[in-house]
Amino acid sequence: YDFVPSFCGKTELEEIRPLVKGWLFSSPEPMEDDIKMMVDYLQGLVITKQIHVVAIIFKCLFRNIKKLTDSSTTWKQTYAGLIDKVQTAMKTCYGHKLYIENTFDSSRDNFILNF
């Protein structure tokens, strides 16, 4: 693919993980532009068959949202919205969904990829 998905101009996972954490802890509520940028990045990963990176990003989001206290409801809703957008891309590209953990009140923290 000529297209390389990026988030805030970064393309490498090692560069993106700190950006994701910084995003979560920088504001009690995410900005719409930031959400759109993350959606575009995740959907770009799906389109370019980098599903393993999608799973890692969701795991990073999930783990760090669980650490939030005051703003966790808004971020949980944002996380659910990101999942919806990615699942739409998954169904379009591959005909099935990606299993992504979305239960914040559980002590389980496992991510399973179903292909």
N, C-alpha and C. Protein backbone atom coordinates (compact mmCIF):
# COMPACT_ATOMS: atom_id res chain seq x y z
N TYR A 1 0.83 -1.19 0.00
CA TYR A 1 0.00 0.00 0.00
C TYR A 1 0.87 1.25 0.00
N ASP A 2 0.44 2.23 -0.78
CA ASP A 2 1.12 3.52 -0.74
C ASP A 2 0.66 4.33 0.46
N PHE A 3 -0.56 4.05 0.91
CA PHE A 3 -1.15 4.78 2.03
C PHE A 3 -0.59 4.24 3.34
N VAL A 4 -0.09 5.13 4.19
CA VAL A 4 0.42 4.74 5.50
C VAL A 4 -0.40 5.48 6.56
N PRO A 5 -1.18 4.75 7.37
CA PRO A 5 -1.99 5.41 8.40
C PRO A 5 -1.09 6.14 9.40
N SER A 6 -1.55 7.33 9.83
CA SER A 6 -0.77 8.08 10.82
C SER A 6 -1.71 8.73 11.84
N PHE A 7 -1.17 8.98 13.02
CA PHE A 7 -1.88 9.67 14.09
C PHE A 7 -0.98 10.79 14.56
N CYS A 8 -1.45 12.02 14.45
CA CYS A 8 -0.65 13.21 14.78
C CYS A 8 0.68 13.22 14.03
N GLY A 9 0.66 12.74 12.80
CA GLY A 9 1.86 12.71 11.97
C GLY A 9 2.80 11.56 12.25
N LYS A 10 2.46 10.71 13.21
CA LYS A 10 3.32 9.58 13.57
C LYS A 10 2.76 8.30 12.97
N THR A 11 3.66 7.40 12.57
CA THR A 11 3.23 6.14 11.96
C THR A 11 3.68 4.90 12.72
N GLU A 12 4.69 5.04 13.56
CA GLU A 12 5.23 3.89 14.30
C GLU A 12 4.51 3.72 15.63
N LEU A 13 4.20 2.48 15.97
CA LEU A 13 3.49 2.17 17.21
C LEU A 13 4.20 2.73 18.44
N GLU A 14 5.55 2.65 18.44
CA GLU A 14 6.32 3.14 19.59
C GLU A 14 6.11 4.64 19.79
N GLU A 15 5.85 5.36 18.70
CA GLU A 15 5.62 6.80 18.77
C GLU A 15 4.16 7.11 19.13
N ILE A 16 3.27 6.23 18.74
CA ILE A 16 1.83 6.49 18.90
C ILE A 16 1.34 6.16 20.31
N ARG A 17 1.86 5.11 20.90
CA ARG A 17 1.42 4.74 22.27
C ARG A 17 1.51 5.90 23.26
N PRO A 18 2.65 6.61 23.34
CA PRO A 18 2.72 7.76 24.27
C PRO A 18 1.72 8.86 23.91
N LEU A 19 1.45 9.03 22.62
CA LEU A 19 0.46 10.04 22.20
C LEU A 19 -0.93 9.65 22.69
N VAL A 20 -1.25 8.37 22.61
CA VAL A 20 -2.55 7.88 23.08
C VAL A 20 -2.69 8.14 24.58
N LYS A 21 -1.67 7.79 25.34
CA LYS A 21 -1.71 8.01 26.79
C LYS A 21 -1.82 9.49 27.11
N GLY A 22 -1.02 10.30 26.41
CA GLY A 22 -1.07 11.74 26.62
C GLY A 22 -2.45 12.31 26.30
N TRP A 23 -3.06 11.80 25.25
CA TRP A 23 -4.40 12.24 24.85
C TRP A 23 -5.40 11.97 25.97
N LEU A 24 -5.36 10.77 26.52
CA LEU A 24 -6.31 10.37 27.56
C LEU A 24 -6.16 11.21 28.83
N PHE A 25 -4.93 11.51 29.20
CA PHE A 25 -4.70 12.18 30.48
C PHE A 25 -4.65 13.71 30.36
N SER A 26 -4.74 14.22 29.12
CA SER A 26 -4.60 15.67 28.92
C SER A 26 -5.91 16.42 29.14
N SER A 27 -7.03 15.74 29.04
CA SER A 27 -8.31 16.44 29.06
C SER A 27 -9.41 15.54 29.60
N PRO A 28 -10.35 16.11 30.37
CA PRO A 28 -11.44 15.28 30.87
C PRO A 28 -12.38 14.80 29.76
N GLU A 29 -12.39 15.55 28.64
CA GLU A 29 -13.22 15.15 27.51
C GLU A 29 -12.44 15.27 26.22
N PRO A 30 -12.53 14.28 25.36
CA PRO A 30 -11.81 14.36 24.09
C PRO A 30 -12.46 15.36 23.15
N MET A 31 -11.66 16.01 22.34
CA MET A 31 -12.16 16.93 21.34
C MET A 31 -12.61 16.13 20.12
N GLU A 32 -13.65 16.62 19.44
CA GLU A 32 -14.18 15.92 18.25
C GLU A 32 -13.09 15.71 17.19
N ASP A 33 -12.25 16.72 16.99
CA ASP A 33 -11.18 16.60 15.99
C ASP A 33 -10.22 15.47 16.34
N ASP A 34 -9.91 15.33 17.63
CA ASP A 34 -9.01 14.27 18.07
C ASP A 34 -9.64 12.90 17.86
N ILE A 35 -10.94 12.81 18.16
CA ILE A 35 -11.64 11.54 17.97
C ILE A 35 -11.62 11.16 16.49
N LYS A 36 -11.90 12.14 15.63
CA LYS A 36 -11.91 11.87 14.19
C LYS A 36 -10.52 11.42 13.72
N MET A 37 -9.48 12.06 14.24
CA MET A 37 -8.12 11.68 13.87
C MET A 37 -7.84 10.23 14.28
N MET A 38 -8.29 9.83 15.48
CA MET A 38 -8.08 8.46 15.93
C MET A 38 -8.90 7.48 15.09
N VAL A 39 -10.15 7.83 14.77
CA VAL A 39 -10.99 6.97 13.92
C VAL A 39 -10.32 6.77 12.57
N ASP A 40 -9.86 7.85 11.97
CA ASP A 40 -9.20 7.77 10.66
C ASP A 40 -7.96 6.87 10.73
N TYR A 41 -7.20 7.01 11.81
CA TYR A 41 -5.99 6.19 11.99
C TYR A 41 -6.36 4.71 12.12
N LEU A 42 -7.31 4.41 13.00
CA LEU A 42 -7.70 3.01 13.22
C LEU A 42 -8.30 2.39 11.96
N GLN A 43 -9.15 3.14 11.27
CA GLN A 43 -9.74 2.62 10.04
C GLN A 43 -8.67 2.43 8.97
N GLY A 44 -7.69 3.33 8.94
CA GLY A 44 -6.57 3.17 8.01
C GLY A 44 -5.78 1.91 8.29
N LEU A 45 -5.61 1.59 9.57
CA LEU A 45 -4.93 0.34 9.94
C LEU A 45 -5.71 -0.87 9.46
N VAL A 46 -7.03 -0.82 9.60
CA VAL A 46 -7.88 -1.93 9.13
C VAL A 46 -7.71 -2.10 7.62
N ILE A 47 -7.81 -1.01 6.90
CA ILE A 47 -7.74 -1.06 5.44
C ILE A 47 -6.39 -1.60 4.96
N THR A 48 -5.32 -1.26 5.69
CA THR A 48 -3.98 -1.70 5.30
C THR A 48 -3.58 -3.02 5.98
N LYS A 49 -4.59 -3.72 6.50
CA LYS A 49 -4.40 -5.07 7.08
C LYS A 49 -3.45 -5.12 8.28
N GLN A 50 -3.44 -4.04 9.08
CA GLN A 50 -2.61 -4.01 10.28
C GLN A 50 -3.49 -4.21 11.52
N ILE A 51 -4.23 -5.30 11.50
CA ILE A 51 -5.22 -5.58 12.54
C ILE A 51 -4.54 -5.75 13.91
N HIS A 52 -3.33 -6.32 13.91
CA HIS A 52 -2.62 -6.50 15.17
C HIS A 52 -2.33 -5.15 15.85
N VAL A 53 -2.08 -4.12 15.05
CA VAL A 53 -1.82 -2.79 15.61
C VAL A 53 -3.13 -2.20 16.16
N VAL A 54 -4.23 -2.44 15.47
CA VAL A 54 -5.54 -1.99 15.97
C VAL A 54 -5.78 -2.58 17.36
N ALA A 55 -5.52 -3.88 17.50
CA ALA A 55 -5.73 -4.55 18.79
C ALA A 55 -4.84 -3.95 19.87
N ILE A 56 -3.60 -3.63 19.54
CA ILE A 56 -2.67 -3.04 20.52
C ILE A 56 -3.15 -1.66 20.94
N ILE A 57 -3.59 -0.86 19.98
CA ILE A 57 -4.08 0.49 20.30
C ILE A 57 -5.31 0.41 21.20
N PHE A 58 -6.24 -0.50 20.88
CA PHE A 58 -7.42 -0.64 21.73
C PHE A 58 -7.04 -1.13 23.13
N LYS A 59 -6.07 -2.03 23.21
CA LYS A 59 -5.63 -2.51 24.52
C LYS A 59 -5.03 -1.36 25.33
N CYS A 60 -4.24 -0.52 24.68
CA CYS A 60 -3.64 0.65 25.33
C CYS A 60 -4.73 1.62 25.80
N LEU A 61 -5.70 1.89 24.93
CA LEU A 61 -6.82 2.76 25.30
C LEU A 61 -7.58 2.18 26.49
N PHE A 62 -7.91 0.91 26.39
CA PHE A 62 -8.70 0.24 27.44
C PHE A 62 -8.00 0.31 28.79
N ARG A 63 -6.73 -0.08 28.79
CA ARG A 63 -5.96 -0.12 30.04
C ARG A 63 -5.86 1.27 30.68
N ASN A 64 -5.64 2.29 29.86
CA ASN A 64 -5.47 3.64 30.39
C ASN A 64 -6.79 4.30 30.76
N ILE A 65 -7.86 3.99 30.05
CA ILE A 65 -9.17 4.52 30.43
C ILE A 65 -9.58 3.94 31.78
N LYS A 66 -9.22 2.69 32.04
CA LYS A 66 -9.53 2.09 33.34
C LYS A 66 -8.84 2.84 34.48
N LYS A 67 -7.73 3.50 34.19
CA LYS A 67 -6.99 4.25 35.22
C LYS A 67 -7.60 5.61 35.51
N LEU A 68 -8.41 6.11 34.59
CA LEU A 68 -9.03 7.43 34.78
C LEU A 68 -10.11 7.35 35.85
N THR A 69 -10.33 8.43 36.55
CA THR A 69 -11.41 8.44 37.54
C THR A 69 -12.47 9.47 37.18
N ASP A 70 -12.15 10.74 37.23
CA ASP A 70 -13.14 11.80 37.02
C ASP A 70 -13.81 11.74 35.65
N SER A 71 -13.02 11.54 34.63
CA SER A 71 -13.54 11.67 33.27
C SER A 71 -13.81 10.32 32.61
N SER A 72 -13.86 9.27 33.39
CA SER A 72 -13.93 7.95 32.77
C SER A 72 -15.20 7.71 31.95
N THR A 73 -16.34 8.27 32.36
CA THR A 73 -17.58 8.02 31.62
C THR A 73 -17.50 8.53 30.20
N THR A 74 -17.02 9.74 30.03
CA THR A 74 -16.89 10.32 28.69
C THR A 74 -15.91 9.52 27.85
N TRP A 75 -14.80 9.15 28.45
CA TRP A 75 -13.80 8.39 27.71
C TRP A 75 -14.30 6.99 27.37
N LYS A 76 -15.08 6.39 28.25
CA LYS A 76 -15.65 5.07 27.95
C LYS A 76 -16.62 5.16 26.78
N GLN A 77 -17.39 6.25 26.74
CA GLN A 77 -18.30 6.45 25.60
C GLN A 77 -17.50 6.66 24.32
N THR A 78 -16.42 7.40 24.41
CA THR A 78 -15.55 7.62 23.25
C THR A 78 -14.97 6.30 22.77
N TYR A 79 -14.52 5.48 23.71
CA TYR A 79 -13.96 4.16 23.40
C TYR A 79 -15.00 3.31 22.66
N ALA A 80 -16.22 3.31 23.17
CA ALA A 80 -17.30 2.54 22.53
C ALA A 80 -17.56 3.05 21.11
N GLY A 81 -17.49 4.37 20.93
CA GLY A 81 -17.67 4.96 19.61
C GLY A 81 -16.56 4.56 18.65
N LEU A 82 -15.33 4.52 19.16
CA LEU A 82 -14.19 4.08 18.33
C LEU A 82 -14.38 2.63 17.90
N ILE A 83 -14.84 1.80 18.83
CA ILE A 83 -15.10 0.40 18.50
C ILE A 83 -16.12 0.30 17.38
N ASP A 84 -17.22 1.04 17.48
CA ASP A 84 -18.25 0.99 16.45
C ASP A 84 -17.69 1.32 15.07
N LYS A 85 -16.89 2.37 15.02
CA LYS A 85 -16.32 2.80 13.73
C LYS A 85 -15.36 1.75 13.17
N VAL A 86 -14.55 1.15 14.04
CA VAL A 86 -13.61 0.13 13.59
C VAL A 86 -14.36 -1.12 13.14
N GLN A 87 -15.43 -1.48 13.88
CA GLN A 87 -16.19 -2.68 13.50
C GLN A 87 -16.85 -2.49 12.13
N THR A 88 -17.30 -1.27 11.84
CA THR A 88 -17.87 -0.99 10.53
C THR A 88 -16.82 -1.22 9.44
N ALA A 89 -15.61 -0.71 9.67
CA ALA A 89 -14.52 -0.92 8.71
C ALA A 89 -14.16 -2.39 8.59
N MET A 90 -14.13 -3.11 9.71
CA MET A 90 -13.83 -4.55 9.69
C MET A 90 -14.86 -5.31 8.86
N LYS A 91 -16.14 -5.02 9.10
CA LYS A 91 -17.21 -5.72 8.36
C LYS A 91 -17.12 -5.42 6.87
N THR A 92 -16.82 -4.16 6.53
CA THR A 92 -16.71 -3.77 5.13
C THR A 92 -15.53 -4.47 4.46
N CYS A 93 -14.38 -4.48 5.13
CA CYS A 93 -13.15 -5.03 4.53
C CYS A 93 -13.07 -6.56 4.59
N TYR A 94 -13.54 -7.13 5.70
CA TYR A 94 -13.30 -8.55 5.94
C TYR A 94 -14.56 -9.38 6.16
N GLY A 95 -15.71 -8.72 6.29
CA GLY A 95 -16.96 -9.45 6.45
C GLY A 95 -17.24 -9.92 7.85
N HIS A 96 -16.39 -9.59 8.80
CA HIS A 96 -16.64 -9.96 10.21
C HIS A 96 -16.03 -8.93 11.13
N LYS A 97 -16.38 -9.02 12.40
CA LYS A 97 -15.90 -8.06 13.39
C LYS A 97 -14.64 -8.55 14.09
N LEU A 98 -14.00 -7.63 14.75
CA LEU A 98 -12.83 -7.91 15.58
C LEU A 98 -13.32 -7.98 17.03
N TYR A 99 -12.88 -9.00 17.78
CA TYR A 99 -13.28 -9.05 19.19
C TYR A 99 -12.42 -8.06 19.96
N ILE A 100 -13.09 -7.13 20.65
CA ILE A 100 -12.41 -6.11 21.44
C ILE A 100 -13.07 -6.05 22.81
N GLU A 101 -12.27 -6.11 23.84
CA GLU A 101 -12.79 -6.02 25.22
C GLU A 101 -13.45 -4.67 25.43
N ASN A 102 -14.65 -4.70 26.01
CA ASN A 102 -15.37 -3.45 26.26
C ASN A 102 -16.09 -3.48 27.60
N THR A 103 -15.59 -4.28 28.53
CA THR A 103 -16.23 -4.38 29.84
C THR A 103 -15.30 -3.79 30.88
N PHE A 104 -15.57 -2.54 31.25
CA PHE A 104 -14.66 -1.85 32.17
C PHE A 104 -14.85 -2.27 33.62
N ASP A 105 -16.02 -2.83 33.96
CA ASP A 105 -16.25 -3.18 35.36
C ASP A 105 -15.78 -4.59 35.68
N SER A 106 -15.18 -5.24 34.72
CA SER A 106 -14.71 -6.60 34.92
C SER A 106 -13.25 -6.60 35.35
N SER A 107 -12.86 -7.60 36.12
CA SER A 107 -11.45 -7.72 36.47
C SER A 107 -10.68 -8.38 35.33
N ARG A 108 -11.39 -9.00 34.41
CA ARG A 108 -10.72 -9.61 33.26
C ARG A 108 -10.27 -8.51 32.32
N ASP A 109 -9.17 -8.74 31.68
CA ASP A 109 -8.59 -7.72 30.80
C ASP A 109 -7.98 -8.40 29.59
N ASN A 110 -8.76 -9.30 28.98
CA ASN A 110 -8.18 -10.08 27.88
C ASN A 110 -8.71 -9.64 26.53
N PHE A 111 -7.84 -9.71 25.56
CA PHE A 111 -8.16 -9.34 24.20
C PHE A 111 -7.95 -10.54 23.31
N ILE A 112 -8.95 -10.88 22.54
CA ILE A 112 -8.89 -12.04 21.68
C ILE A 112 -9.18 -11.59 20.25
N LEU A 113 -8.35 -11.98 19.34
CA LEU A 113 -8.60 -11.67 17.94
C LEU A 113 -9.28 -12.89 17.30
N ASN A 114 -10.42 -12.67 16.70
CA ASN A 114 -11.10 -13.73 15.98
C ASN A 114 -10.99 -13.47 14.49
N PHE A 115 -10.33 -14.38 13.78
CA PHE A 115 -10.23 -14.22 12.33
C PHE A 115 -10.96 -15.35 11.64
